[in-house]
N, C-alpha and C. Protein backbone atom coordinates (compact mmCIF):
# COMPACT_ATOMS: atom_id res chain seq x y z
N UNK A 1 49.28 168.19 148.64
CA UNK A 1 49.53 167.26 147.56
C UNK A 1 49.98 165.90 148.09
N UNK A 2 50.84 165.90 149.10
CA UNK A 2 51.33 164.64 149.66
C UNK A 2 50.18 163.83 150.25
N UNK A 3 49.29 164.49 150.96
CA UNK A 3 48.15 163.78 151.55
C UNK A 3 47.26 163.17 150.48
N UNK A 4 47.10 163.88 149.37
CA UNK A 4 46.28 163.35 148.27
C UNK A 4 46.89 162.06 147.73
N UNK A 5 48.22 162.03 147.57
CA UNK A 5 48.89 160.80 147.12
C UNK A 5 48.62 159.65 148.09
N UNK A 6 48.74 159.92 149.37
CA UNK A 6 48.51 158.89 150.38
C UNK A 6 47.08 158.37 150.35
N UNK A 7 46.12 159.27 150.21
CA UNK A 7 44.71 158.85 150.17
C UNK A 7 44.40 158.07 148.89
N UNK A 8 44.96 158.52 147.77
CA UNK A 8 44.74 157.80 146.52
C UNK A 8 45.36 156.40 146.58
N UNK A 9 46.56 156.30 147.12
CA UNK A 9 47.21 155.00 147.26
C UNK A 9 46.40 154.09 148.18
N UNK A 10 45.91 154.63 149.27
CA UNK A 10 45.09 153.85 150.20
C UNK A 10 43.82 153.35 149.53
N UNK A 11 43.17 154.23 148.77
CA UNK A 11 41.94 153.84 148.07
C UNK A 11 42.21 152.71 147.08
N UNK A 12 43.33 152.78 146.38
CA UNK A 12 43.66 151.73 145.41
C UNK A 12 43.97 150.40 146.10
N UNK A 13 44.60 150.46 147.26
CA UNK A 13 44.85 149.22 148.01
C UNK A 13 43.51 148.57 148.36
N UNK A 14 42.58 149.36 148.84
CA UNK A 14 41.26 148.83 149.18
C UNK A 14 40.54 148.30 147.94
N UNK A 15 40.59 149.05 146.85
CA UNK A 15 39.96 148.61 145.61
C UNK A 15 40.57 147.29 145.15
N UNK A 16 41.89 147.19 145.21
CA UNK A 16 42.56 145.96 144.79
C UNK A 16 42.10 144.75 145.58
N UNK A 17 41.83 144.94 146.85
CA UNK A 17 41.40 143.82 147.69
C UNK A 17 39.99 143.34 147.35
N UNK A 18 39.25 144.11 146.57
CA UNK A 18 37.90 143.68 146.18
C UNK A 18 37.90 142.91 144.87
N UNK A 19 39.04 142.82 144.20
CA UNK A 19 39.10 142.13 142.91
C UNK A 19 38.97 140.63 143.10
N UNK A 20 38.33 140.00 142.14
CA UNK A 20 38.09 138.56 142.24
C UNK A 20 39.17 137.73 141.56
N UNK A 21 40.02 138.39 140.76
CA UNK A 21 41.07 137.63 140.09
C UNK A 21 42.44 138.20 140.49
N UNK A 22 43.41 137.33 140.53
CA UNK A 22 44.75 137.72 140.93
C UNK A 22 45.38 138.75 139.98
N UNK A 23 45.23 138.62 138.67
CA UNK A 23 45.84 139.64 137.79
C UNK A 23 45.30 141.04 138.05
N UNK A 24 44.00 141.16 138.24
CA UNK A 24 43.42 142.47 138.52
C UNK A 24 43.91 143.02 139.86
N UNK A 25 43.95 142.16 140.87
CA UNK A 25 44.43 142.58 142.19
C UNK A 25 45.86 143.07 142.09
N UNK A 26 46.70 142.31 141.42
CA UNK A 26 48.12 142.69 141.32
C UNK A 26 48.31 143.93 140.46
N UNK A 27 47.53 144.09 139.42
CA UNK A 27 47.66 145.29 138.57
C UNK A 27 47.28 146.54 139.35
N UNK A 28 46.16 146.49 140.04
CA UNK A 28 45.72 147.65 140.81
C UNK A 28 46.69 147.93 141.96
N UNK A 29 47.14 146.89 142.62
CA UNK A 29 48.09 147.10 143.71
C UNK A 29 49.46 147.55 143.21
N UNK A 30 49.82 147.22 141.98
CA UNK A 30 51.06 147.75 141.41
C UNK A 30 50.95 149.26 141.24
N UNK A 31 49.81 149.72 140.79
CA UNK A 31 49.60 151.16 140.66
C UNK A 31 49.64 151.82 142.04
N UNK A 32 49.03 151.17 143.03
CA UNK A 32 49.06 151.74 144.38
C UNK A 32 50.49 151.78 144.92
N UNK A 33 51.31 150.79 144.58
CA UNK A 33 52.71 150.79 145.00
C UNK A 33 53.44 152.00 144.43
N UNK A 34 53.17 152.31 143.17
CA UNK A 34 53.81 153.47 142.54
C UNK A 34 53.41 154.75 143.28
N UNK A 35 52.12 154.85 143.63
CA UNK A 35 51.67 156.03 144.39
C UNK A 35 52.31 156.07 145.78
N UNK A 36 52.41 154.91 146.43
CA UNK A 36 53.06 154.87 147.75
C UNK A 36 54.53 155.25 147.66
N UNK A 37 55.19 154.83 146.59
CA UNK A 37 56.60 155.20 146.41
C UNK A 37 56.72 156.72 146.25
N UNK A 38 55.85 157.30 145.45
CA UNK A 38 55.86 158.76 145.29
C UNK A 38 55.57 159.46 146.62
N UNK A 39 54.63 158.92 147.37
CA UNK A 39 54.30 159.46 148.69
C UNK A 39 55.51 159.38 149.62
N UNK A 40 56.15 158.22 149.65
CA UNK A 40 57.31 158.03 150.52
C UNK A 40 58.46 158.95 150.15
N UNK A 41 58.68 159.15 148.86
CA UNK A 41 59.73 160.07 148.42
C UNK A 41 59.39 161.50 148.85
N UNK A 42 58.14 161.89 148.66
CA UNK A 42 57.73 163.25 149.03
C UNK A 42 57.86 163.50 150.53
N UNK A 43 57.64 162.45 151.32
CA UNK A 43 57.73 162.58 152.78
C UNK A 43 59.10 162.19 153.33
N UNK A 44 60.02 161.82 152.46
CA UNK A 44 61.34 161.36 152.88
C UNK A 44 61.22 160.19 153.87
N UNK A 45 60.36 159.25 153.50
CA UNK A 45 60.04 158.10 154.36
C UNK A 45 60.58 156.83 153.70
N UNK A 46 61.82 156.50 154.01
CA UNK A 46 62.50 155.38 153.37
C UNK A 46 61.78 154.03 153.56
N UNK A 47 61.24 153.71 154.75
CA UNK A 47 60.56 152.43 154.88
C UNK A 47 59.37 152.27 153.93
N UNK A 48 58.61 153.33 153.73
CA UNK A 48 57.47 153.28 152.81
C UNK A 48 57.97 153.03 151.39
N UNK A 49 59.02 153.72 151.00
CA UNK A 49 59.59 153.55 149.66
C UNK A 49 60.11 152.12 149.50
N UNK A 50 60.88 151.65 150.44
CA UNK A 50 61.51 150.33 150.33
C UNK A 50 60.50 149.19 150.25
N UNK A 51 59.51 149.21 151.11
CA UNK A 51 58.53 148.12 151.11
C UNK A 51 57.71 148.14 149.82
N UNK A 52 57.41 149.30 149.30
CA UNK A 52 56.61 149.35 148.08
C UNK A 52 57.42 149.05 146.83
N UNK A 53 58.70 149.36 146.83
CA UNK A 53 59.56 148.93 145.73
C UNK A 53 59.63 147.40 145.74
N UNK A 54 59.79 146.81 146.92
CA UNK A 54 59.84 145.35 147.03
C UNK A 54 58.52 144.72 146.56
N UNK A 55 57.39 145.30 146.96
CA UNK A 55 56.10 144.78 146.53
C UNK A 55 55.91 144.92 145.02
N UNK A 56 56.33 146.05 144.48
CA UNK A 56 56.21 146.27 143.04
C UNK A 56 57.05 145.24 142.27
N UNK A 57 58.24 144.96 142.77
CA UNK A 57 59.08 143.93 142.15
C UNK A 57 58.44 142.55 142.26
N UNK A 58 57.81 142.26 143.39
CA UNK A 58 57.12 140.98 143.57
C UNK A 58 55.95 140.85 142.59
N UNK A 59 55.20 141.94 142.41
CA UNK A 59 54.10 141.92 141.44
C UNK A 59 54.64 141.71 140.03
N UNK A 60 55.71 142.42 139.68
CA UNK A 60 56.30 142.29 138.34
C UNK A 60 56.80 140.87 138.11
N UNK A 61 57.43 140.29 139.11
CA UNK A 61 57.93 138.91 139.01
C UNK A 61 56.76 137.95 138.80
N UNK A 62 55.68 138.15 139.52
CA UNK A 62 54.52 137.28 139.37
C UNK A 62 53.96 137.38 137.96
N UNK A 63 53.81 138.61 137.46
CA UNK A 63 53.29 138.77 136.10
C UNK A 63 54.20 138.08 135.08
N UNK A 64 55.50 138.22 135.28
CA UNK A 64 56.46 137.62 134.35
C UNK A 64 56.42 136.10 134.40
N UNK A 65 56.41 135.53 135.59
CA UNK A 65 56.48 134.07 135.73
C UNK A 65 55.14 133.37 135.54
N UNK A 66 54.04 134.09 135.73
CA UNK A 66 52.73 133.45 135.62
C UNK A 66 52.24 133.35 134.18
N UNK A 67 52.87 134.07 133.28
CA UNK A 67 52.43 134.08 131.90
C UNK A 67 51.30 135.06 131.64
N UNK A 68 50.92 135.83 132.63
CA UNK A 68 49.83 136.79 132.47
C UNK A 68 50.17 137.91 131.50
N UNK A 69 51.44 138.27 131.39
CA UNK A 69 51.82 139.33 130.46
C UNK A 69 51.52 138.94 129.02
N UNK A 70 51.69 137.66 128.70
CA UNK A 70 51.42 137.20 127.34
C UNK A 70 49.93 137.32 127.01
N UNK A 71 49.08 137.16 128.00
CA UNK A 71 47.64 137.26 127.79
C UNK A 71 47.21 138.69 127.51
N UNK A 72 47.98 139.67 127.99
CA UNK A 72 47.61 141.08 127.84
C UNK A 72 48.12 141.68 126.54
N UNK A 73 48.94 140.96 125.79
CA UNK A 73 49.49 141.49 124.54
C UNK A 73 48.51 141.35 123.41
């Protein structure tokens, strides 16, 4: 199960990098961050958890400050 989380998170990172718009890239990579956090927790890997929590917060901050959240409502 842990390996599946890691592979799914990796696939989403790659998919996110193919997006042509920043909102799509950040949305997909936010989902991958959540999977990486779950993976890191399952493996007791604090660096993986910490970096992905930080990235998820950065994505959330961007959505909040860019006004993109208002467009999705």
